[in-house]
Amino acid sequence: MAMPSDVGIIDTMIGFPASDFSQYDFIRKQLKDDSTEFEFPVEYMFKNVPKELYGSDNPISVTLHEMDRFGVEVGVIGVGDEVSRQALQDHPDRFVGSGWVDPNRGMKGIRAMVRQYEEYGVRAFTAFNAGYNPQVGLDEALMYPIYAKCVELDVPIFSCVGVPGPRFPMWPQHVERLDQIMYDFPELVFVTRHGCEPWEDLAVKLMLKWPNLYYSTSAFAPKHYPEAVIDYANSRGADKVIYAGYFPMGLSLERIMTDMQNLPLRDEVWPKFLRGNAAKLLRIGASS
């Protein structure tokens, strides 16, 4: 049950230390309490955010150094900024692009999805429904063209599900909303992000029900992974649970991988969790 050291890990949520914390301005605009003053809008939830890495002259080298230290072979990154696009260009063997979606932009948003797919070769898209302004429920009509386009492009969507960390309403991300989505789009590959809490038991039940529904462990240190998800991975869900980190947004890779040593996964589950499941969904080969 020990974590193997010979698996080239795929981290399905990683990034680069920015020059400052302005990347969170879109969240601050919706906040109404003193959390607007935090450098990191969900700082109340995390200890030891690796702020010391922010402001580097070469953020790509910082992330690559951390990846090499801890056996992360491939990282899934956004494509919304110049640094990320440079990383994709310079290190196509180390990074895979994930595009962004905005249901409030209508057809402009759908065309933006196509551009990201064609220009950057994105292999997934990312949604943050509680973070849209105005907010949009996971199963609302505005999301359906996005899901249809993901099916057409044959790429998964990674979406935050469960109570959001920023202090704004949670209603868009209730786990039960997934049921209608998977019913209406049986071909859609949907990967949840950020825990599904406090409805992780329901998330497991829905993964049992829907073949194309998956769970990724983003934004959680391994010692805080929900017990229901670990139990599921060790039984019928070995092919459904995917590793995702949160470096450098809220966690260091050192914290994640130190905790990981104590994660009680079965020997046969580890390679799937750390690499195999993500490799299958994102079409990442043995030597990406």
Foldseek 3Di string as FASTA:
>chain_A
DFFDPPFQFEAADADFAEQFLCVCVLLLVPDDDPCVVDSFSLQVVFDPQVNVRHNDPQRLVVVVVLCVVRRHQAYEYEDPDDNVLVCCVVCVLHYAYEYEAALVVPVVRVVVVVCCCVVRVHQEYEYEQVSHVVHAAPQDPSCVVVQVSCLVVLHAYEYEAAADSRPDDRVRRQPVSVVVVCVVCLSHQYEYDDQNPPVVVVLLVVCVVRVRYAYEYEPDQLVPHDPNVQVCCQPVCLLGYEYHYHPNSRDRVVRNSVSSRPRPHDPVSNNNHRPVNVCVNRVPDPRD
